[in-house]
Amino acid sequence: MKLQKIFYVILLLASIFSCKQSERSEEAMSESAEVSSQDAKTVSSSAAVVDKNSNRKFIRTADLRFKVKNVAQSTYSIENTVAKFGGFVTSTELRSNVVNTSQAKKSSDSIVETTRFIVENNMVIRVPNTLLDTTLKTIARQIDYLDYRIIKADDVSLTLLSNDLSQKRNQQNQARVEEAIQNRGKKLGETVDAEDRVYNSQTQADEARINNLSLKDQVNFSTVSLSLYQKEAIKRETIANSESEEFRTSIGVRLVDGLKTGWHILEEIIVFIVHLWAFILIGFLGWFIYKKTRKNKNT
């Protein structure tokens, strides 16, 4: 009976302990979810979310810099996200920046080279304006540490309206001038001046139209600049020690090379002397004549 009671007490304590552990794990998961949700809100909350019925037009841009666990993997994930939401990547610069490099002798014939580097990527992406928040929320899953997040919204409603009015005004002016050319443009000078006015009106109308197209494109597609980086990494590589005695040329080989070099020098000297045979012959003849003349004088 005593053993049964002890057994029941142990089971009761074990069940109470397991319940507390379960509650703690649920609380931790809840806190982690809240933190993750808060990070996503921090990144994705954007300015100037316009109602569909509003006449306002905003150019929305975002600029983010954050740390990730792996830049290459995060880059591929972001590129897939952009493509999924109908956007596109306009620029990406994935590179490794070397912080420093050092060498340490490992053995007589090898050296350990240590390189410290930081991998980073600067990206520019464009996504549909209506999906900017969704895109930023998805990108937030890659963030390990957020440096900054800047989101701007520029109202270009009046600029678009001004360009529309300017375009219509120039088109109307162009039509009036063309009509005047047909009806009253009899003189060459008047016709040339009128043609210049038509050209200027058409140019201004085209510029207003192109400006409007550019603004509408920026309104429809938001531009997001991303700067990703990861923790400093270290790469170690064993390389050969070029100053090791094992890599020096043996004395036998150097002696043979010395003999060959000396023989080549001797060959060059002989060839050089042969090139001077004419001068040597003249010198010998001169010496011979001198000796002959001197001998005749003595006799």
C-alpha atoms as a PDB file:
ATOM      1  CA  MET A   1       0.000   0.000   0.000  1.00  0.00           C
ATOM      2  CA  LYS A   2       2.773   2.401   0.866  1.00  0.00           C
ATOM      3  CA  LEU A   3       4.448   1.692  -2.474  1.00  0.00           C
ATOM      4  CA  GLN A   4       1.212   2.391  -4.334  1.00  0.00           C
ATOM      5  CA  LYS A   5       0.777   5.730  -2.536  1.00  0.00           C
ATOM      6  CA  ILE A   6       4.351   6.733  -3.346  1.00  0.00           C
ATOM      7  CA  PHE A   7       3.780   5.776  -6.974  1.00  0.00           C
ATOM      8  CA  TYR A   8       0.589   7.864  -7.165  1.00  0.00           C
ATOM      9  CA  VAL A   9       2.359  10.869  -5.621  1.00  0.00           C
ATOM     10  CA  ILE A  10       5.169  10.614  -8.196  1.00  0.00           C
ATOM     11  CA  LEU A  11       2.640  10.453 -11.054  1.00  0.00           C
ATOM     12  CA  LEU A  12       0.801  13.495  -9.655  1.00  0.00           C
ATOM     13  CA  LEU A  13       4.008  15.535  -9.379  1.00  0.00           C
ATOM     14  CA  ALA A  14       5.058  14.517 -12.884  1.00  0.00           C
ATOM     15  CA  SER A  15       1.715  15.586 -14.369  1.00  0.00           C
ATOM     16  CA  ILE A  16       1.855  18.961 -12.567  1.00  0.00           C
ATOM     17  CA  PHE A  17       5.427  19.549 -13.791  1.00  0.00           C
ATOM     18  CA  SER A  18       4.528  18.667 -17.398  1.00  0.00           C
ATOM     19  CA  CYS A  19       1.551  21.046 -17.332  1.00  0.00           C
ATOM     20  CA  LYS A  20       3.752  23.913 -16.134  1.00  0.00           C
ATOM     21  CA  GLN A  21       6.322  23.181 -18.824  1.00  0.00           C
ATOM     22  CA  SER A  22       3.582  23.168 -21.477  1.00  0.00           C
ATOM     23  CA  GLU A  23       2.253  26.512 -20.234  1.00  0.00           C
ATOM     24  CA  ARG A  24       5.750  28.016 -20.348  1.00  0.00           C
ATOM     25  CA  SER A  25       6.379  26.780 -23.903  1.00  0.00           C
ATOM     26  CA  GLU A  26       3.030  28.155 -25.045  1.00  0.00           C
ATOM     27  CA  GLU A  27       3.840  31.522 -23.460  1.00  0.00           C
ATOM     28  CA  ALA A  28       7.259  31.556 -25.155  1.00  0.00           C
ATOM     29  CA  MET A  29       5.721  30.728 -28.523  1.00  0.00           C
ATOM     30  CA  SER A  30       3.117  33.422 -28.018  1.00  0.00           C
ATOM     31  CA  GLU A  31       5.774  35.999 -27.120  1.00  0.00           C
ATOM     32  CA  SER A  32       7.884  34.975 -30.128  1.00  0.00           C
ATOM     33  CA  ALA A  33       4.870  35.303 -32.420  1.00  0.00           C
ATOM     34  CA  GLU A  34       4.089  38.722 -30.974  1.00  0.00           C
ATOM     35  CA  VAL A  35       7.683  39.886 -31.510  1.00  0.00           C
ATOM     36  CA  SER A  36       7.707  38.561 -35.070  1.00  0.00           C
ATOM     37  CA  SER A  37       4.377  40.221 -35.757  1.00  0.00           C
ATOM     38  CA  GLN A  38       5.674  43.469 -34.270  1.00  0.00           C
ATOM     39  CA  ASP A  39       8.798  43.348 -36.487  1.00  0.00           C
ATOM     40  CA  ALA A  40       6.640  42.811 -39.545  1.00  0.00           C
ATOM     41  CA  LYS A  41       4.434  45.760 -38.589  1.00  0.00           C
ATOM     42  CA  THR A  42       7.491  47.917 -38.019  1.00  0.00           C
ATOM     43  CA  VAL A  43       8.745  47.212 -41.529  1.00  0.00           C
ATOM     44  CA  SER A  44       5.457  47.110 -43.400  1.00  0.00           C
ATOM     45  CA  SER A  45       3.546  50.041 -41.927  1.00  0.00           C
ATOM     46  CA  SER A  46       3.738  52.548 -44.758  1.00  0.00           C
ATOM     47  CA  ALA A  47       2.667  56.124 -45.311  1.00  0.00           C
ATOM     48  CA  ALA A  48      -0.239  57.381 -47.377  1.00  0.00           C
ATOM     49  CA  VAL A  49      -2.425  54.315 -47.818  1.00  0.00           C
ATOM     50  CA  VAL A  50      -5.000  55.881 -50.140  1.00  0.00           C
ATOM     51  CA  ASP A  51      -8.635  54.936 -50.302  1.00  0.00           C
ATOM     52  CA  LYS A  52      -9.739  53.564 -53.666  1.00  0.00           C
ATOM     53  CA  ASN A  53     -12.280  56.362 -54.101  1.00  0.00           C
ATOM     54  CA  SER A  54      -9.724  59.116 -53.454  1.00  0.00           C
ATOM     55  CA  ASN A  55      -8.399  61.267 -56.309  1.00  0.00           C
ATOM     56  CA  ARG A  56      -4.976  61.594 -54.715  1.00  0.00           C
ATOM     57  CA  LYS A  57      -1.989  59.977 -56.371  1.00  0.00           C
ATOM     58  CA  PHE A  58       1.076  59.105 -54.309  1.00  0.00           C
ATOM     59  CA  ILE A  59       4.551  57.988 -55.301  1.00  0.00           C
ATOM     60  CA  ARG A  60       5.517  55.624 -52.485  1.00  0.00           C
ATOM     61  CA  THR A  61       9.143  54.637 -51.936  1.00  0.00           C
ATOM     62  CA  ALA A  62      10.868  52.572 -49.252  1.00  0.00           C
ATOM     63  CA  ASP A  63      14.483  52.350 -48.124  1.00  0.00           C
ATOM     64  CA  LEU A  64      15.562  49.550 -45.775  1.00  0.00           C
ATOM     65  CA  ARG A  65      18.855  48.342 -44.333  1.00  0.00           C
ATOM     66  CA  PHE A  66      18.889  45.179 -42.260  1.00  0.00           C
ATOM     67  CA  LYS A  67      20.988  42.227 -41.170  1.00  0.00           C
ATOM     68  CA  VAL A  68      20.179  38.689 -42.326  1.00  0.00           C
ATOM     69  CA  LYS A  69      21.592  35.273 -41.507  1.00  0.00           C
ATOM     70  CA  ASN A  70      22.646  34.521 -45.079  1.00  0.00           C
ATOM     71  CA  VAL A  71      22.743  37.257 -47.724  1.00  0.00           C
ATOM     72  CA  ALA A  72      22.730  34.926 -50.731  1.00  0.00           C
ATOM     73  CA  GLN A  73      19.735  32.907 -49.536  1.00  0.00           C
ATOM     74  CA  SER A  74      17.820  36.036 -48.511  1.00  0.00           C
ATOM     75  CA  THR A  75      18.545  37.596 -51.907  1.00  0.00           C
ATOM     76  CA  TYR A  76      17.112  34.596 -53.738  1.00  0.00           C
ATOM     77  CA  SER A  77      14.060  34.605 -51.455  1.00  0.00           C
ATOM     78  CA  ILE A  78      13.439  38.325 -52.035  1.00  0.00           C
ATOM     79  CA  GLU A  79      13.810  37.925 -55.802  1.00  0.00           C
ATOM     80  CA  ASN A  80      11.243  35.114 -55.746  1.00  0.00           C
ATOM     81  CA  THR A  81       8.900  37.259 -53.643  1.00  0.00           C
ATOM     82  CA  VAL A  82       9.182  40.174 -56.058  1.00  0.00           C
ATOM     83  CA  ALA A  83       8.431  37.947 -59.044  1.00  0.00           C
ATOM     84  CA  LYS A  84       5.508  36.374 -57.192  1.00  0.00           C
ATOM     85  CA  PHE A  85       3.861  39.752 -56.583  1.00  0.00           C
ATOM     86  CA  GLY A  86       4.314  40.943 -60.164  1.00  0.00           C
ATOM     87  CA  GLY A  87       7.327  43.166 -59.579  1.00  0.00           C
ATOM     88  CA  PHE A  88      10.849  43.152 -60.936  1.00  0.00           C
ATOM     89  CA  VAL A  89      14.442  43.711 -59.817  1.00  0.00           C
ATOM     90  CA  THR A  90      16.140  46.718 -61.399  1.00  0.00           C
ATOM     91  CA  SER A  91      19.496  46.370 -59.644  1.00  0.00           C
ATOM     92  CA  THR A  92      21.332  43.887 -57.433  1.00  0.00           C
ATOM     93  CA  GLU A  93      24.971  44.026 -56.283  1.00  0.00           C
ATOM     94  CA  LEU A  94      25.975  40.933 -54.313  1.00  0.00           C
ATOM     95  CA  ARG A  95      29.583  41.142 -53.141  1.00  0.00           C
ATOM     96  CA  SER A  96      32.043  40.174 -50.405  1.00  0.00           C
ATOM     97  CA  ASN A  97      33.966  43.040 -48.827  1.00  0.00           C
ATOM     98  CA  VAL A  98      37.303  41.936 -47.339  1.00  0.00           C
ATOM     99  CA  VAL A  99      37.939  43.468 -43.910  1.00  0.00           C
ATOM    100  CA  ASN A 100      41.509  42.202 -43.549  1.00  0.00           C
ATOM    101  CA  THR A 101      43.803  39.310 -44.447  1.00  0.00           C
ATOM    102  CA  SER A 102      46.504  37.782 -42.258  1.00  0.00           C
ATOM    103  CA  GLN A 103      48.976  34.895 -42.586  1.00  0.00           C
ATOM    104  CA  ALA A 104      50.421  32.572 -39.981  1.00  0.00           C
ATOM    105  CA  LYS A 105      53.095  29.915 -40.465  1.00  0.00           C
ATOM    106  CA  LYS A 106      51.648  26.448 -39.944  1.00  0.00           C
ATOM    107  CA  SER A 107      54.709  24.368 -40.800  1.00  0.00           C
ATOM    108  CA  SER A 108      57.977  24.676 -42.697  1.00  0.00           C
ATOM    109  CA  ASP A 109      56.212  24.319 -46.041  1.00  0.00           C
ATOM    110  CA  SER A 110      52.703  25.707 -45.421  1.00  0.00           C
ATOM    111  CA  ILE A 111      50.966  28.904 -44.295  1.00  0.00           C
ATOM    112  CA  VAL A 112      47.425  29.466 -43.009  1.00  0.00           C
ATOM    113  CA  GLU A 113      45.816  32.491 -44.648  1.00  0.00           C
ATOM    114  CA  THR A 114      42.885  33.982 -42.698  1.00  0.00           C
ATOM    115  CA  THR A 115      40.449  36.296 -44.485  1.00  0.00           C
ATOM    116  CA  ARG A 116      37.751  38.265 -42.644  1.00  0.00           C
ATOM    117  CA  PHE A 117      34.942  39.482 -44.885  1.00  0.00           C
ATOM    118  CA  ILE A 118      31.353  40.749 -44.891  1.00  0.00           C
ATOM    119  CA  VAL A 119      28.849  39.688 -47.532  1.00  0.00           C
ATOM    120  CA  GLU A 120      26.326  42.345 -48.525  1.00  0.00           C
ATOM    121  CA  ASN A 121      23.898  43.118 -51.306  1.00  0.00           C
ATOM    122  CA  ASN A 122      22.344  46.389 -52.415  1.00  0.00           C
ATOM    123  CA  MET A 123      19.100  45.834 -54.306  1.00  0.00           C
ATOM    124  CA  VAL A 124      16.532  48.038 -55.986  1.00  0.00           C
ATOM    125  CA  ILE A 125      13.165  46.443 -56.633  1.00  0.00           C
ATOM    126  CA  ARG A 126       9.868  47.707 -57.992  1.00  0.00           C
ATOM    127  CA  VAL A 127       6.544  46.251 -56.933  1.00  0.00           C
ATOM    128  CA  PRO A 128       2.905  47.176 -57.613  1.00  0.00           C
ATOM    129  CA  ASN A 129       1.856  50.039 -55.370  1.00  0.00           C
ATOM    130  CA  THR A 130      -1.131  48.088 -54.051  1.00  0.00           C
ATOM    131  CA  LEU A 131       1.155  45.232 -52.958  1.00  0.00           C
ATOM    132  CA  LEU A 132       3.882  47.304 -51.301  1.00  0.00           C
ATOM    133  CA  ASP A 133       2.742  46.458 -47.763  1.00  0.00           C
ATOM    134  CA  THR A 134       2.417  42.760 -48.587  1.00  0.00           C
ATOM    135  CA  THR A 135       5.871  42.726 -50.135  1.00  0.00           C
ATOM    136  CA  LEU A 136       7.443  44.436 -47.122  1.00  0.00           C
ATOM    137  CA  LYS A 137       5.735  42.010 -44.735  1.00  0.00           C
ATOM    138  CA  THR A 138       7.147  39.081 -46.692  1.00  0.00           C
ATOM    139  CA  ILE A 139      10.636  40.602 -46.800  1.00  0.00           C
ATOM    140  CA  ALA A 140      10.451  41.197 -43.023  1.00  0.00           C
ATOM    141  CA  ARG A 141      10.712  37.427 -42.494  1.00  0.00           C
ATOM    142  CA  GLN A 142      14.346  37.640 -43.619  1.00  0.00           C
ATOM    143  CA  ILE A 143      15.285  40.349 -41.103  1.00  0.00           C
ATOM    144  CA  ASP A 144      17.565  39.371 -38.236  1.00  0.00           C
ATOM    145  CA  TYR A 145      18.245  42.960 -37.168  1.00  0.00           C
ATOM    146  CA  LEU A 146      16.723  46.150 -38.615  1.00  0.00           C
ATOM    147  CA  ASP A 147      19.035  49.163 -38.978  1.00  0.00           C
ATOM    148  CA  TYR A 148      16.464  51.546 -40.425  1.00  0.00           C
ATOM    149  CA  ARG A 149      13.312  51.746 -42.483  1.00  0.00           C
ATOM    150  CA  ILE A 150      12.341  54.890 -44.398  1.00  0.00           C
ATOM    151  CA  ILE A 151       9.064  55.082 -46.287  1.00  0.00           C
ATOM    152  CA  LYS A 152       8.024  58.177 -48.211  1.00  0.00           C
ATOM    153  CA  ALA A 153       4.896  59.190 -50.060  1.00  0.00           C
ATOM    154  CA  ASP A 154       4.913  62.163 -52.434  1.00  0.00           C
ATOM    155  CA  ASP A 155       1.536  63.506 -53.562  1.00  0.00           C
ATOM    156  CA  VAL A 156       1.744  64.154 -57.323  1.00  0.00           C
ATOM    157  CA  SER A 157      -1.967  64.706 -57.960  1.00  0.00           C
ATOM    158  CA  LEU A 158      -1.540  68.390 -58.764  1.00  0.00           C
ATOM    159  CA  THR A 159       1.526  67.725 -60.921  1.00  0.00           C
ATOM    160  CA  LEU A 160      -0.417  65.194 -62.993  1.00  0.00           C
ATOM    161  CA  LEU A 161      -3.296  67.629 -63.350  1.00  0.00           C
ATOM    162  CA  SER A 162      -0.937  70.432 -64.350  1.00  0.00           C
ATOM    163  CA  ASN A 163       0.670  68.241 -67.003  1.00  0.00           C
ATOM    164  CA  ASP A 164      -2.725  67.226 -68.382  1.00  0.00           C
ATOM    165  CA  LEU A 165      -3.842  70.861 -68.639  1.00  0.00           C
ATOM    166  CA  SER A 166      -0.523  71.880 -70.211  1.00  0.00           C
ATOM    167  CA  GLN A 167      -0.811  69.088 -72.760  1.00  0.00           C
ATOM    168  CA  LYS A 168      -4.379  70.071 -73.708  1.00  0.00           C
ATOM    169  CA  ARG A 169      -3.474  73.763 -73.848  1.00  0.00           C
ATOM    170  CA  ASN A 170      -0.545  73.132 -76.180  1.00  0.00           C
ATOM    171  CA  GLN A 171      -2.602  70.853 -78.393  1.00  0.00           C
ATOM    172  CA  GLN A 172      -5.319  73.514 -78.711  1.00  0.00           C
ATOM    173  CA  ASN A 173      -2.709  76.177 -79.460  1.00  0.00           C
ATOM    174  CA  GLN A 174      -1.150  73.904 -82.057  1.00  0.00           C
ATOM    175  CA  ALA A 175      -4.526  73.381 -83.741  1.00  0.00           C
ATOM    176  CA  ARG A 176      -5.219  77.142 -83.885  1.00  0.00           C
ATOM    177  CA  VAL A 177      -1.804  77.883 -85.379  1.00  0.00           C
ATOM    178  CA  GLU A 178      -2.190  75.153 -88.003  1.00  0.00           C
ATOM    179  CA  GLU A 179      -5.559  76.573 -88.960  1.00  0.00           C
ATOM    180  CA  ALA A 180      -4.044  80.053 -89.210  1.00  0.00           C
ATOM    181  CA  ILE A 181      -1.305  78.720 -91.503  1.00  0.00           C
ATOM    182  CA  GLN A 182      -3.885  77.204 -93.828  1.00  0.00           C
ATOM    183  CA  ASN A 183      -6.096  80.311 -93.909  1.00  0.00           C
ATOM    184  CA  ARG A 184      -3.739  83.299 -93.684  1.00  0.00           C
ATOM    185  CA  GLY A 185      -0.168  82.013 -93.966  1.00  0.00           C
ATOM    186  CA  LYS A 186       0.549  83.470 -97.411  1.00  0.00           C
ATOM    187  CA  LYS A 187       3.934  85.011 -96.759  1.00  0.00           C
ATOM    188  CA  LEU A 188       6.996  82.866 -96.277  1.00  0.00           C
ATOM    189  CA  GLY A 189       8.160  84.670 -93.116  1.00  0.00           C
ATOM    190  CA  GLU A 190       4.766  84.384 -91.447  1.00  0.00           C
ATOM    191  CA  THR A 191       4.542  80.716 -92.390  1.00  0.00           C
ATOM    192  CA  VAL A 192       8.004  79.959 -90.930  1.00  0.00           C
ATOM    193  CA  ASP A 193       7.184  81.737 -87.647  1.00  0.00           C
ATOM    194  CA  ALA A 194       3.900  79.865 -87.404  1.00  0.00           C
ATOM    195  CA  GLU A 195       5.623  76.539 -88.042  1.00  0.00           C
ATOM    196  CA  ASP A 196       8.082  77.292 -85.241  1.00  0.00           C
ATOM    197  CA  ARG A 197       5.179  77.977 -82.900  1.00  0.00           C
ATOM    198  CA  VAL A 198       3.569  74.678 -83.892  1.00  0.00           C
ATOM    199  CA  TYR A 199       6.848  72.858 -83.251  1.00  0.00           C
ATOM    200  CA  ASN A 200       7.282  74.478 -79.822  1.00  0.00           C
ATOM    201  CA  SER A 201       3.692  73.689 -78.847  1.00  0.00           C
ATOM    202  CA  GLN A 202       4.098  70.073 -79.932  1.00  0.00           C
ATOM    203  CA  THR A 203       7.391  69.781 -78.023  1.00  0.00           C
ATOM    204  CA  GLN A 204       5.853  71.123 -74.832  1.00  0.00           C
ATOM    205  CA  ALA A 205       2.856  68.814 -75.212  1.00  0.00           C
ATOM    206  CA  ASP A 206       5.153  65.807 -75.713  1.00  0.00           C
ATOM    207  CA  GLU A 207       7.238  66.715 -72.660  1.00  0.00           C
ATOM    208  CA  ALA A 208       4.108  67.040 -70.516  1.00  0.00           C
ATOM    209  CA  ARG A 209       2.862  63.681 -71.761  1.00  0.00           C
ATOM    210  CA  ILE A 210       6.189  61.923 -71.120  1.00  0.00           C
ATOM    211  CA  ASN A 211       6.403  63.483 -67.660  1.00  0.00           C
ATOM    212  CA  ASN A 212       2.903  62.252 -66.890  1.00  0.00           C
ATOM    213  CA  LEU A 213       3.736  58.732 -68.100  1.00  0.00           C
ATOM    214  CA  SER A 214       6.815  58.691 -65.862  1.00  0.00           C
ATOM    215  CA  LEU A 215       4.826  59.886 -62.834  1.00  0.00           C
ATOM    216  CA  LYS A 216       2.062  57.343 -63.443  1.00  0.00           C
ATOM    217  CA  ASP A 217       4.649  54.593 -63.692  1.00  0.00           C
ATOM    218  CA  GLN A 218       6.101  55.653 -60.344  1.00  0.00           C
ATOM    219  CA  VAL A 219       2.604  55.789 -58.861  1.00  0.00           C
ATOM    220  CA  ASN A 220       1.700  52.316 -60.121  1.00  0.00           C
ATOM    221  CA  PHE A 221       5.015  50.705 -59.125  1.00  0.00           C
ATOM    222  CA  SER A 222       6.707  51.577 -55.848  1.00  0.00           C
ATOM    223  CA  THR A 223      10.501  51.626 -55.690  1.00  0.00           C
ATOM    224  CA  VAL A 224      12.138  49.813 -52.771  1.00  0.00           C
ATOM    225  CA  SER A 225      15.869  50.105 -52.006  1.00  0.00           C
ATOM    226  CA  LEU A 226      17.246  47.261 -49.900  1.00  0.00           C
ATOM    227  CA  SER A 227      20.650  46.951 -48.235  1.00  0.00           C
ATOM    228  CA  LEU A 228      21.329  43.462 -46.850  1.00  0.00           C
ATOM    229  CA  TYR A 229      24.355  42.355 -44.871  1.00  0.00           C
ATOM    230  CA  GLN A 230      25.321  39.455 -42.647  1.00  0.00           C
ATOM    231  CA  LYS A 231      27.630  38.774 -39.727  1.00  0.00           C
ATOM    232  CA  GLU A 232      31.344  39.028 -40.426  1.00  0.00           C
ATOM    233  CA  ALA A 233      32.628  35.686 -41.684  1.00  0.00           C
ATOM    234  CA  ILE A 234      36.086  34.103 -41.544  1.00  0.00           C
ATOM    235  CA  LYS A 235      37.718  31.917 -44.178  1.00  0.00           C
ATOM    236  CA  ARG A 236      40.910  29.989 -43.515  1.00  0.00           C
ATOM    237  CA  GLU A 237      42.969  28.414 -46.272  1.00  0.00           C
ATOM    238  CA  THR A 238      46.247  26.514 -46.167  1.00  0.00           C
ATOM    239  CA  ILE A 239      48.681  27.599 -48.876  1.00  0.00           C
ATOM    240  CA  ALA A 240      52.261  26.665 -49.761  1.00  0.00           C
ATOM    241  CA  ASN A 241      55.108  28.591 -48.157  1.00  0.00           C
ATOM    242  CA  SER A 242      57.100  29.904 -51.100  1.00  0.00           C
ATOM    243  CA  GLU A 243      60.061  30.731 -48.826  1.00  0.00           C
ATOM    244  CA  SER A 244      60.386  27.174 -47.552  1.00  0.00           C
ATOM    245  CA  GLU A 245      63.695  25.334 -48.052  1.00  0.00           C
ATOM    246  CA  GLU A 246      61.788  22.592 -49.873  1.00  0.00           C
ATOM    247  CA  PHE A 247      60.939  25.004 -52.654  1.00  0.00           C
ATOM    248  CA  ARG A 248      64.567  26.178 -53.143  1.00  0.00           C
ATOM    249  CA  THR A 249      66.504  24.825 -56.124  1.00  0.00           C
ATOM    250  CA  SER A 250      69.072  22.182 -55.188  1.00  0.00           C
ATOM    251  CA  ILE A 251      72.790  22.991 -55.475  1.00  0.00           C
ATOM    252  CA  GLY A 252      73.313  20.348 -58.173  1.00  0.00           C
ATOM    253  CA  VAL A 253      70.752  21.941 -60.448  1.00  0.00           C
ATOM    254  CA  ARG A 254      72.205  25.383 -59.783  1.00  0.00           C
ATOM    255  CA  LEU A 255      75.754  24.144 -60.638  1.00  0.00           C
ATOM    256  CA  VAL A 256      74.542  22.669 -63.919  1.00  0.00           C
ATOM    257  CA  ASP A 257      72.694  25.900 -64.699  1.00  0.00           C
ATOM    258  CA  GLY A 258      75.906  27.825 -63.877  1.00  0.00           C
ATOM    259  CA  LEU A 259      77.941  25.701 -66.312  1.00  0.00           C
ATOM    260  CA  LYS A 260      75.355  26.197 -69.026  1.00  0.00           C
ATOM    261  CA  THR A 261      75.246  29.937 -68.398  1.00  0.00           C
ATOM    262  CA  GLY A 262      79.068  30.164 -68.482  1.00  0.00           C
ATOM    263  CA  TRP A 263      79.228  28.210 -71.732  1.00  0.00           C
ATOM    264  CA  HIS A 264      76.593  30.489 -73.284  1.00  0.00           C
ATOM    265  CA  ILE A 265      78.648  33.520 -72.252  1.00  0.00           C
ATOM    266  CA  LEU A 266      81.765  31.978 -73.811  1.00  0.00           C
ATOM    267  CA  GLU A 267      79.854  31.335 -77.035  1.00  0.00           C
ATOM    268  CA  GLU A 268      78.734  34.942 -77.133  1.00  0.00           C
ATOM    269  CA  ILE A 269      82.329  36.142 -76.633  1.00  0.00           C
ATOM    270  CA  ILE A 270      83.589  33.916 -79.471  1.00  0.00           C
ATOM    271  CA  VAL A 271      80.825  35.133 -81.779  1.00  0.00           C
ATOM    272  CA  PHE A 272      81.624  38.717 -80.852  1.00  0.00           C
ATOM    273  CA  ILE A 273      85.311  38.189 -81.680  1.00  0.00           C
ATOM    274  CA  VAL A 274      84.413  36.594 -85.013  1.00  0.00           C
ATOM    275  CA  HIS A 275      82.340  39.658 -85.841  1.00  0.00           C
ATOM    276  CA  LEU A 276      85.542  41.708 -85.395  1.00  0.00           C
ATOM    277  CA  TRP A 277      87.672  39.553 -87.753  1.00  0.00           C
ATOM    278  CA  ALA A 278      88.236  42.433 -90.189  1.00  0.00           C
ATOM    279  CA  PHE A 279      89.661  44.668 -87.490  1.00  0.00           C
ATOM    280  CA  ILE A 280      91.818  41.824 -86.180  1.00  0.00           C
ATOM    281  CA  LEU A 281      93.159  41.128 -89.685  1.00  0.00           C
ATOM    282  CA  ILE A 282      93.971  44.798 -90.261  1.00  0.00           C
ATOM    283  CA  GLY A 283      95.685  44.973 -86.902  1.00  0.00           C
ATOM    284  CA  PHE A 284      97.729  41.834 -87.652  1.00  0.00           C
ATOM    285  CA  LEU A 285      98.800  43.176 -91.063  1.00  0.00           C
ATOM    286  CA  GLY A 286      99.754  46.471 -89.535  1.00  0.00           C
ATOM    287  CA  TRP A 287     101.828  44.755 -86.879  1.00  0.00           C
ATOM    288  CA  PHE A 288     103.468  42.514 -89.519  1.00  0.00           C
ATOM    289  CA  ILE A 289     104.356  45.492 -91.753  1.00  0.00           C
ATOM    290  CA  TYR A 290     105.703  47.378 -88.752  1.00  0.00           C
ATOM    291  CA  LYS A 291     107.956  44.465 -87.802  1.00  0.00           C
ATOM    292  CA  LYS A 292     109.145  44.020 -91.393  1.00  0.00           C
ATOM    293  CA  THR A 293     109.956  47.686 -91.775  1.00  0.00           C
ATOM    294  CA  ARG A 294     111.823  47.830 -88.505  1.00  0.00           C
ATOM    295  CA  LYS A 295     113.892  44.764 -89.414  1.00  0.00           C
ATOM    296  CA  ASN A 296     114.916  46.264 -92.766  1.00  0.00           C
ATOM    297  CA  LYS A 297     116.047  49.462 -91.045  1.00  0.00           C
ATOM    298  CA  ASN A 298     118.195  47.550 -88.621  1.00  0.00           C
ATOM    299  CA  THR A 299     119.925  45.658 -91.438  1.00  0.00           C
END
